[in-house]
Structure formats: structure tokens, C-alpha cells
Amino acid sequence: MEAAAATKNGGAVAGRSRFRRVCVFCGSSSGKRSSYRDAAVELGKELVARKVDLVYGGGSLGLMGEVADAVHKGGGHVIGVIPRSLMGKEITGETVGEVRAVAGMHQRKAEMARAADAFIALPGGYGTLDELLEVIAWAQLGIHTKPVGLLNVDGYYDFLLAFIDKAVEDGFVKPAQRHIFVSAPDAGDLVQKLEEFEAVQDEDPATPKLRWEIEQVGYNAALQAEIAR
């Protein structure tokens, strides 16, 4: 099949993508519902159909392993980024694709962001929320304009979306910044929304851009520039 040919997957039409790689944040557990695992596999297949490679946090457990295995089996390239201190805890069994070992958690997030053209969050716990909210905050601060999406499987993120709506209502998030990210209940619709995403323009052009201190987060200027690509 030619790269430009469209294929049906999960109810959405998939063809050539604007993205080379998408970073997926998700749990190292599979959760208690089979729908979470099904969504991870569906997302992996959607990426393969669009000829998009995967960047994720390494490991072969839970939803992380499911999405990585689906992309790898479909012929896509998988990049797993993992701190050396966690390799023994998170990588078990056969790990597919390319593993990039980094020094720590900040470097992990920075490397995943640098390597990806967009971000998707599947269901997960504290780590997933940390990764998701950081890339949303980076977009709010003008560090990058890459699309961010929530795969809201069975309403998993309904309470988070309600919280963000409350933050807008009470004046802690600007109304325009509510649209920094998109959400959808299935992989095909979500990826299509990311394909069509246009970066939110800040209402106040004088808003200063964040300048990370190397001592705080371990980034350097060159890496920050690459994250913003």
C-alpha cells in the first residue's frame, strides 16, 4: 500500500501524517478495564496506519508495553526513553524497538519532547499526569507549539477536563488556553484532531517566554530549542 493511501482504522481515515513521531504518555499498569488495553493497541495501530513512529517512556509493562508492541508489530519504529535507575524496575520481558537510556527523569521528559512532533496521553497515574501537564504548561508558556491530545477512554479524563474548565471559570487559565490541547474518546478521532490542530495564539503578545535554569531542570539552550521544533 502506498504511503498516501488512506486506510480505515477505529472509524477514522488514516493516511500520510504531518508527524514523524508521536510521544505517548501512559501507565506502566494496564488498569482494571480491558478498554484501556484495547485503546492502547488501537492507538498503536492508528500510528502505524499513518506511518508515524512512537516515542514513549520505555519498558514493556502495562499500557506502555501494549502501545509499543502494537507499533513494533505493525512495522513502525519505537523509541523508549528511560532513566538508567529505573531500567531494572520498568523493563521486564522482551523490550521492543530502540532504548535510549538517560540520566534522570528531567532528561527523560526533555528527550521525549525533543524527539516527538506531538503528544498523546492514554490513561495512567501520577507519572502520566506529570508528563501530560508539563507539556501543556510548556505550550502555555510558549516553549513549543506541538499538538497535545488526551485519549479519554471511557471518560477516564472527565474529572481532569472538569477541573480545567473550573480553572478557566475561576480565572486561573485563560479561555483561549483551554484549547491548548484536544481530547477524544477513540484513537482515530484524536489523531485526526491533532493533525488539524493549530497552535493557540497568546492573547497577550507581551507575555514573557519561560527561560529554564539549567540547575533546576537539567536542560540547556540547545535542547530547549530542539524541544520547540
C-alpha atoms as a PDB file:
ATOM      1  CA  MET A   1       0.000   0.000   0.000  1.00  0.00           C
ATOM      2  CA  GLU A   2       1.318   3.446  -0.881  1.00  0.00           C
ATOM      3  CA  ALA A   3       2.073   5.871   1.927  1.00  0.00           C
ATOM      4  CA  ALA A   4      -0.534   8.346   0.735  1.00  0.00           C
ATOM      5  CA  ALA A   5      -3.293   5.741   0.561  1.00  0.00           C
ATOM      6  CA  ALA A   6      -5.973   6.056   3.189  1.00  0.00           C
ATOM      7  CA  THR A   7      -6.936   3.186   5.462  1.00  0.00           C
ATOM      8  CA  LYS A   8      -9.805   2.701   7.843  1.00  0.00           C
ATOM      9  CA  ASN A   9      -8.861   2.217  11.475  1.00  0.00           C
ATOM     10  CA  GLY A  10     -11.074   2.653  14.518  1.00  0.00           C
ATOM     11  CA  GLY A  11     -13.661   4.564  12.495  1.00  0.00           C
ATOM     12  CA  ALA A  12     -11.192   7.216  11.296  1.00  0.00           C
ATOM     13  CA  VAL A  13      -9.476   7.604   7.959  1.00  0.00           C
ATOM     14  CA  ALA A  14      -5.704   7.356   8.248  1.00  0.00           C
ATOM     15  CA  GLY A  15      -3.245   8.423   5.558  1.00  0.00           C
ATOM     16  CA  ARG A  16       0.002  10.342   5.342  1.00  0.00           C
ATOM     17  CA  SER A  17       0.603  12.278   8.560  1.00  0.00           C
ATOM     18  CA  ARG A  18       2.132  15.663   9.277  1.00  0.00           C
ATOM     19  CA  PHE A  19       4.033  13.959  12.130  1.00  0.00           C
ATOM     20  CA  ARG A  20       7.149  11.802  12.002  1.00  0.00           C
ATOM     21  CA  ARG A  21       6.919  10.719  15.642  1.00  0.00           C
ATOM     22  CA  VAL A  22       4.312  10.997  18.380  1.00  0.00           C
ATOM     23  CA  CYS A  23       5.142  10.740  22.074  1.00  0.00           C
ATOM     24  CA  VAL A  24       2.658   8.673  24.092  1.00  0.00           C
ATOM     25  CA  PHE A  25       2.346   9.042  27.870  1.00  0.00           C
ATOM     26  CA  CYS A  26       0.603   6.151  29.628  1.00  0.00           C
ATOM     27  CA  GLY A  27       0.630   3.844  32.614  1.00  0.00           C
ATOM     28  CA  SER A  28       3.040   1.015  33.325  1.00  0.00           C
ATOM     29  CA  SER A  29      -0.121  -0.728  34.583  1.00  0.00           C
ATOM     30  CA  SER A  30      -2.940  -1.907  32.316  1.00  0.00           C
ATOM     31  CA  GLY A  31      -5.668  -0.665  34.669  1.00  0.00           C
ATOM     32  CA  LYS A  32      -8.771  -2.607  35.632  1.00  0.00           C
ATOM     33  CA  ARG A  33     -10.728  -2.179  32.398  1.00  0.00           C
ATOM     34  CA  SER A  34      -9.986  -4.090  29.210  1.00  0.00           C
ATOM     35  CA  SER A  35     -10.966  -0.950  27.282  1.00  0.00           C
ATOM     36  CA  TYR A  36      -7.733   0.728  28.382  1.00  0.00           C
ATOM     37  CA  ARG A  37      -5.632  -2.029  26.883  1.00  0.00           C
ATOM     38  CA  ASP A  38      -7.802  -2.053  23.757  1.00  0.00           C
ATOM     39  CA  ALA A  39      -7.317   1.707  23.369  1.00  0.00           C
ATOM     40  CA  ALA A  40      -3.530   1.385  23.652  1.00  0.00           C
ATOM     41  CA  VAL A  41      -3.483  -1.259  20.925  1.00  0.00           C
ATOM     42  CA  GLU A  42      -5.864   0.791  18.765  1.00  0.00           C
ATOM     43  CA  LEU A  43      -3.637   3.845  19.140  1.00  0.00           C
ATOM     44  CA  GLY A  44      -0.578   1.839  18.139  1.00  0.00           C
ATOM     45  CA  LYS A  45      -2.366   0.602  15.027  1.00  0.00           C
ATOM     46  CA  GLU A  46      -3.516   4.120  14.203  1.00  0.00           C
ATOM     47  CA  LEU A  47       0.058   5.387  14.335  1.00  0.00           C
ATOM     48  CA  VAL A  48       1.215   2.549  12.092  1.00  0.00           C
ATOM     49  CA  ALA A  49      -1.583   3.256   9.580  1.00  0.00           C
ATOM     50  CA  ARG A  50      -0.394   6.871   9.379  1.00  0.00           C
ATOM     51  CA  LYS A  51       3.264   5.798   9.217  1.00  0.00           C
ATOM     52  CA  VAL A  52       4.065   7.620  12.461  1.00  0.00           C
ATOM     53  CA  ASP A  53       6.769   6.292  14.793  1.00  0.00           C
ATOM     54  CA  LEU A  54       6.384   6.062  18.566  1.00  0.00           C
ATOM     55  CA  VAL A  55       8.295   7.768  21.380  1.00  0.00           C
ATOM     56  CA  TYR A  56       7.427   6.641  24.907  1.00  0.00           C
ATOM     57  CA  GLY A  57       8.873   6.204  28.378  1.00  0.00           C
ATOM     58  CA  GLY A  58      10.412   2.776  27.847  1.00  0.00           C
ATOM     59  CA  GLY A  59       9.504  -0.544  29.412  1.00  0.00           C
ATOM     60  CA  SER A  60       7.229  -3.380  28.385  1.00  0.00           C
ATOM     61  CA  LEU A  61       4.646  -3.406  31.182  1.00  0.00           C
ATOM     62  CA  GLY A  62       1.052  -2.237  31.123  1.00  0.00           C
ATOM     63  CA  LEU A  63      -0.253   0.194  28.543  1.00  0.00           C
ATOM     64  CA  MET A  64       3.324   1.257  27.773  1.00  0.00           C
ATOM     65  CA  GLY A  65       4.095  -2.243  26.585  1.00  0.00           C
ATOM     66  CA  GLU A  66       0.810  -2.581  24.696  1.00  0.00           C
ATOM     67  CA  VAL A  67       1.210   0.528  22.571  1.00  0.00           C
ATOM     68  CA  ALA A  68       4.907  -0.168  21.925  1.00  0.00           C
ATOM     69  CA  ASP A  69       4.202  -3.758  20.901  1.00  0.00           C
ATOM     70  CA  ALA A  70       1.377  -2.694  18.567  1.00  0.00           C
ATOM     71  CA  VAL A  71       3.586  -0.167  16.770  1.00  0.00           C
ATOM     72  CA  HIS A  72       6.533  -2.569  16.571  1.00  0.00           C
ATOM     73  CA  LYS A  73       4.427  -5.464  15.237  1.00  0.00           C
ATOM     74  CA  GLY A  74       2.950  -3.119  12.646  1.00  0.00           C
ATOM     75  CA  GLY A  75       6.391  -2.237  11.318  1.00  0.00           C
ATOM     76  CA  GLY A  76       6.784   1.145  12.993  1.00  0.00           C
ATOM     77  CA  HIS A  77       9.882   2.353  14.786  1.00  0.00           C
ATOM     78  CA  VAL A  78       9.706   2.526  18.591  1.00  0.00           C
ATOM     79  CA  ILE A  79      11.936   4.720  20.773  1.00  0.00           C
ATOM     80  CA  GLY A  80      11.793   4.061  24.518  1.00  0.00           C
ATOM     81  CA  VAL A  81      13.409   6.685  26.760  1.00  0.00           C
ATOM     82  CA  ILE A  82      14.118   5.545  30.305  1.00  0.00           C
ATOM     83  CA  PRO A  83      16.309   6.649  33.225  1.00  0.00           C
ATOM     84  CA  ARG A  84      19.086   4.188  33.996  1.00  0.00           C
ATOM     85  CA  SER A  85      17.926   3.990  37.612  1.00  0.00           C
ATOM     86  CA  LEU A  86      14.510   2.664  36.518  1.00  0.00           C
ATOM     87  CA  MET A  87      15.587   0.193  33.881  1.00  0.00           C
ATOM     88  CA  GLY A  88      15.578  -2.769  36.229  1.00  0.00           C
ATOM     89  CA  LYS A  89      12.146  -1.878  37.598  1.00  0.00           C
ATOM     90  CA  GLU A  90      10.309  -0.952  34.407  1.00  0.00           C
ATOM     91  CA  ILE A  91      11.850  -3.124  31.696  1.00  0.00           C
ATOM     92  CA  THR A  92      10.834  -6.759  32.052  1.00  0.00           C
ATOM     93  CA  GLY A  93      10.498  -9.440  29.419  1.00  0.00           C
ATOM     94  CA  GLU A  94      11.299  -8.561  25.819  1.00  0.00           C
ATOM     95  CA  THR A  95      11.525  -4.836  25.133  1.00  0.00           C
ATOM     96  CA  VAL A  96      10.884  -3.893  21.512  1.00  0.00           C
ATOM     97  CA  GLY A  97      12.497  -1.152  19.476  1.00  0.00           C
ATOM     98  CA  GLU A  98      15.234   1.292  20.416  1.00  0.00           C
ATOM     99  CA  VAL A  99      16.006   2.009  24.068  1.00  0.00           C
ATOM    100  CA  ARG A 100      17.600   5.353  24.961  1.00  0.00           C
ATOM    101  CA  ALA A 101      18.973   5.418  28.492  1.00  0.00           C
ATOM    102  CA  VAL A 102      19.158   8.836  30.172  1.00  0.00           C
ATOM    103  CA  ALA A 103      20.479  10.119  33.474  1.00  0.00           C
ATOM    104  CA  GLY A 104      17.216  11.036  35.179  1.00  0.00           C
ATOM    105  CA  MET A 105      13.538  11.981  34.979  1.00  0.00           C
ATOM    106  CA  HIS A 106      14.063  15.543  33.703  1.00  0.00           C
ATOM    107  CA  GLN A 107      16.294  14.281  30.934  1.00  0.00           C
ATOM    108  CA  ARG A 108      13.714  11.619  30.093  1.00  0.00           C
ATOM    109  CA  LYS A 109      10.934  14.159  29.588  1.00  0.00           C
ATOM    110  CA  ALA A 110      13.204  16.514  27.682  1.00  0.00           C
ATOM    111  CA  GLU A 111      14.394  13.761  25.342  1.00  0.00           C
ATOM    112  CA  MET A 112      10.865  12.519  24.683  1.00  0.00           C
ATOM    113  CA  ALA A 113       9.744  16.075  23.926  1.00  0.00           C
ATOM    114  CA  ARG A 114      12.722  16.701  21.673  1.00  0.00           C
ATOM    115  CA  ALA A 115      12.143  13.553  19.660  1.00  0.00           C
ATOM    116  CA  ALA A 116       8.391  13.960  19.131  1.00  0.00           C
ATOM    117  CA  ASP A 117       6.187  16.164  16.947  1.00  0.00           C
ATOM    118  CA  ALA A 118       3.052  15.730  19.081  1.00  0.00           C
ATOM    119  CA  PHE A 119       1.931  14.231  22.395  1.00  0.00           C
ATOM    120  CA  ILE A 120      -0.866  11.854  23.393  1.00  0.00           C
ATOM    121  CA  ALA A 121      -1.867  10.761  26.892  1.00  0.00           C
ATOM    122  CA  LEU A 122      -3.560   7.409  27.410  1.00  0.00           C
ATOM    123  CA  PRO A 123      -4.922   6.545  30.870  1.00  0.00           C
ATOM    124  CA  GLY A 124      -2.244   6.427  33.546  1.00  0.00           C
ATOM    125  CA  GLY A 125      -1.344   7.540  37.049  1.00  0.00           C
ATOM    126  CA  TYR A 126       0.841  10.200  38.650  1.00  0.00           C
ATOM    127  CA  GLY A 127       3.681   9.842  36.145  1.00  0.00           C
ATOM    128  CA  THR A 128       1.349  10.180  33.166  1.00  0.00           C
ATOM    129  CA  LEU A 129      -0.279  13.286  34.654  1.00  0.00           C
ATOM    130  CA  ASP A 130       3.143  14.787  35.392  1.00  0.00           C
ATOM    131  CA  GLU A 131       4.275  14.297  31.796  1.00  0.00           C
ATOM    132  CA  LEU A 132       0.989  15.487  30.309  1.00  0.00           C
ATOM    133  CA  LEU A 133       0.617  18.634  32.395  1.00  0.00           C
ATOM    134  CA  GLU A 134       4.239  19.596  31.844  1.00  0.00           C
ATOM    135  CA  VAL A 135       3.922  19.599  28.049  1.00  0.00           C
ATOM    136  CA  ILE A 136       0.645  21.536  28.354  1.00  0.00           C
ATOM    137  CA  ALA A 137       2.384  24.068  30.610  1.00  0.00           C
ATOM    138  CA  TRP A 138       5.272  24.317  28.125  1.00  0.00           C
ATOM    139  CA  ALA A 139       2.738  25.139  25.404  1.00  0.00           C
ATOM    140  CA  GLN A 140       1.078  27.742  27.640  1.00  0.00           C
ATOM    141  CA  LEU A 141       4.468  29.378  28.224  1.00  0.00           C
ATOM    142  CA  GLY A 142       5.404  29.387  24.549  1.00  0.00           C
ATOM    143  CA  ILE A 143       8.210  26.828  24.766  1.00  0.00           C
ATOM    144  CA  HIS A 144       6.630  24.739  21.998  1.00  0.00           C
ATOM    145  CA  THR A 145       3.600  24.720  19.693  1.00  0.00           C
ATOM    146  CA  LYS A 146       3.326  20.941  19.290  1.00  0.00           C
ATOM    147  CA  PRO A 147      -0.175  19.431  19.492  1.00  0.00           C
ATOM    148  CA  VAL A 148      -1.212  17.694  22.726  1.00  0.00           C
ATOM    149  CA  GLY A 149      -4.086  15.218  22.953  1.00  0.00           C
ATOM    150  CA  LEU A 150      -5.974  13.310  25.648  1.00  0.00           C
ATOM    151  CA  LEU A 151      -7.303   9.870  24.736  1.00  0.00           C
ATOM    152  CA  ASN A 152     -10.306   9.964  27.046  1.00  0.00           C
ATOM    153  CA  VAL A 153     -11.096   6.248  27.180  1.00  0.00           C
ATOM    154  CA  ASP A 154     -14.445   5.513  28.858  1.00  0.00           C
ATOM    155  CA  GLY A 155     -14.425   9.003  30.374  1.00  0.00           C
ATOM    156  CA  TYR A 156     -11.179   8.370  32.258  1.00  0.00           C
ATOM    157  CA  TYR A 157     -10.152  12.032  31.996  1.00  0.00           C
ATOM    158  CA  ASP A 158     -13.599  13.562  32.544  1.00  0.00           C
ATOM    159  CA  PHE A 159     -12.671  14.799  36.022  1.00  0.00           C
ATOM    160  CA  LEU A 160      -9.426  16.340  34.732  1.00  0.00           C
ATOM    161  CA  LEU A 161     -11.319  18.121  31.957  1.00  0.00           C
ATOM    162  CA  ALA A 162     -13.863  19.354  34.505  1.00  0.00           C
ATOM    163  CA  PHE A 163     -11.027  20.635  36.701  1.00  0.00           C
ATOM    164  CA  ILE A 164      -9.522  22.572  33.786  1.00  0.00           C
ATOM    165  CA  ASP A 165     -12.937  24.037  32.941  1.00  0.00           C
ATOM    166  CA  LYS A 166     -13.235  25.120  36.594  1.00  0.00           C
ATOM    167  CA  ALA A 167      -9.764  26.732  36.390  1.00  0.00           C
ATOM    168  CA  VAL A 168     -10.937  28.703  33.340  1.00  0.00           C
ATOM    169  CA  GLU A 169     -14.182  29.675  35.062  1.00  0.00           C
ATOM    170  CA  ASP A 170     -12.344  30.909  38.165  1.00  0.00           C
ATOM    171  CA  GLY A 171      -9.719  32.850  36.228  1.00  0.00           C
ATOM    172  CA  PHE A 172      -6.629  30.663  36.638  1.00  0.00           C
ATOM    173  CA  VAL A 173      -6.469  29.620  32.975  1.00  0.00           C
ATOM    174  CA  LYS A 174      -7.240  31.984  30.096  1.00  0.00           C
ATOM    175  CA  PRO A 175     -10.223  30.880  27.991  1.00  0.00           C
ATOM    176  CA  ALA A 176      -8.088  30.644  24.848  1.00  0.00           C
ATOM    177  CA  GLN A 177      -5.600  28.416  26.675  1.00  0.00           C
ATOM    178  CA  ARG A 178      -8.357  25.865  27.311  1.00  0.00           C
ATOM    179  CA  HIS A 179      -7.749  24.908  23.692  1.00  0.00           C
ATOM    180  CA  ILE A 180      -4.005  24.261  24.038  1.00  0.00           C
ATOM    181  CA  PHE A 181      -4.874  20.549  23.922  1.00  0.00           C
ATOM    182  CA  VAL A 182      -7.597  18.414  22.357  1.00  0.00           C
ATOM    183  CA  SER A 183      -9.406  15.297  23.524  1.00  0.00           C
ATOM    184  CA  ALA A 184     -11.423  12.449  22.008  1.00  0.00           C
ATOM    185  CA  PRO A 185     -12.722   9.048  23.164  1.00  0.00           C
ATOM    186  CA  ASP A 186     -11.050   6.991  20.437  1.00  0.00           C
ATOM    187  CA  ALA A 187      -7.668   6.921  18.762  1.00  0.00           C
ATOM    188  CA  GLY A 188      -8.735   7.679  15.202  1.00  0.00           C
ATOM    189  CA  ASP A 189     -10.682  10.810  16.122  1.00  0.00           C
ATOM    190  CA  LEU A 190      -7.948  12.040  18.461  1.00  0.00           C
ATOM    191  CA  VAL A 191      -5.117  11.660  15.973  1.00  0.00           C
ATOM    192  CA  GLN A 192      -7.206  13.412  13.316  1.00  0.00           C
ATOM    193  CA  LYS A 193      -7.780  16.329  15.717  1.00  0.00           C
ATOM    194  CA  LEU A 194      -4.021  16.521  16.282  1.00  0.00           C
ATOM    195  CA  GLU A 195      -3.445  16.535  12.528  1.00  0.00           C
ATOM    196  CA  GLU A 196      -5.804  19.519  12.201  1.00  0.00           C
ATOM    197  CA  PHE A 197      -4.562  21.339  15.304  1.00  0.00           C
ATOM    198  CA  GLU A 198      -3.453  24.956  15.035  1.00  0.00           C
ATOM    199  CA  ALA A 199      -1.449  26.447  17.890  1.00  0.00           C
ATOM    200  CA  VAL A 200      -3.293  28.824  20.205  1.00  0.00           C
ATOM    201  CA  GLN A 201      -2.057  32.385  19.925  1.00  0.00           C
ATOM    202  CA  ASP A 202      -1.458  34.057  23.278  1.00  0.00           C
ATOM    203  CA  GLU A 203      -3.966  36.810  23.985  1.00  0.00           C
ATOM    204  CA  ASP A 204      -1.144  38.978  25.332  1.00  0.00           C
ATOM    205  CA  PRO A 205       1.870  39.073  22.956  1.00  0.00           C
ATOM    206  CA  ALA A 206       3.917  40.688  25.697  1.00  0.00           C
ATOM    207  CA  THR A 207       3.703  37.553  27.858  1.00  0.00           C
ATOM    208  CA  PRO A 208       7.323  36.630  28.605  1.00  0.00           C
ATOM    209  CA  LYS A 209       8.617  33.280  27.485  1.00  0.00           C
ATOM    210  CA  LEU A 210       9.894  30.963  30.161  1.00  0.00           C
ATOM    211  CA  ARG A 211      13.671  30.575  30.411  1.00  0.00           C
ATOM    212  CA  TRP A 212      14.618  27.392  32.215  1.00  0.00           C
ATOM    213  CA  GLU A 213      17.561  27.433  34.571  1.00  0.00           C
ATOM    214  CA  ILE A 214      19.983  24.584  33.835  1.00  0.00           C
ATOM    215  CA  GLU A 215      20.428  23.950  37.573  1.00  0.00           C
ATOM    216  CA  GLN A 216      16.666  23.493  38.014  1.00  0.00           C
ATOM    217  CA  VAL A 217      15.753  21.118  35.226  1.00  0.00           C
ATOM    218  CA  GLY A 218      18.937  19.987  33.563  1.00  0.00           C
ATOM    219  CA  TYR A 219      18.156  21.457  30.143  1.00  0.00           C
ATOM    220  CA  ASN A 220      20.493  23.567  28.056  1.00  0.00           C
ATOM    221  CA  ALA A 221      19.671  26.231  25.491  1.00  0.00           C
ATOM    222  CA  ALA A 222      20.282  23.961  22.529  1.00  0.00           C
ATOM    223  CA  LEU A 223      17.963  21.280  23.911  1.00  0.00           C
ATOM    224  CA  GLN A 224      15.227  23.823  24.651  1.00  0.00           C
ATOM    225  CA  ALA A 225      15.467  24.989  21.041  1.00  0.00           C
ATOM    226  CA  GLU A 226      15.061  21.398  19.845  1.00  0.00           C
ATOM    227  CA  ILE A 227      12.010  20.829  22.083  1.00  0.00           C
ATOM    228  CA  ALA A 228      10.375  23.828  20.411  1.00  0.00           C
ATOM    229  CA  ARG A 229      10.799  22.459  16.878  1.00  0.00           C
END
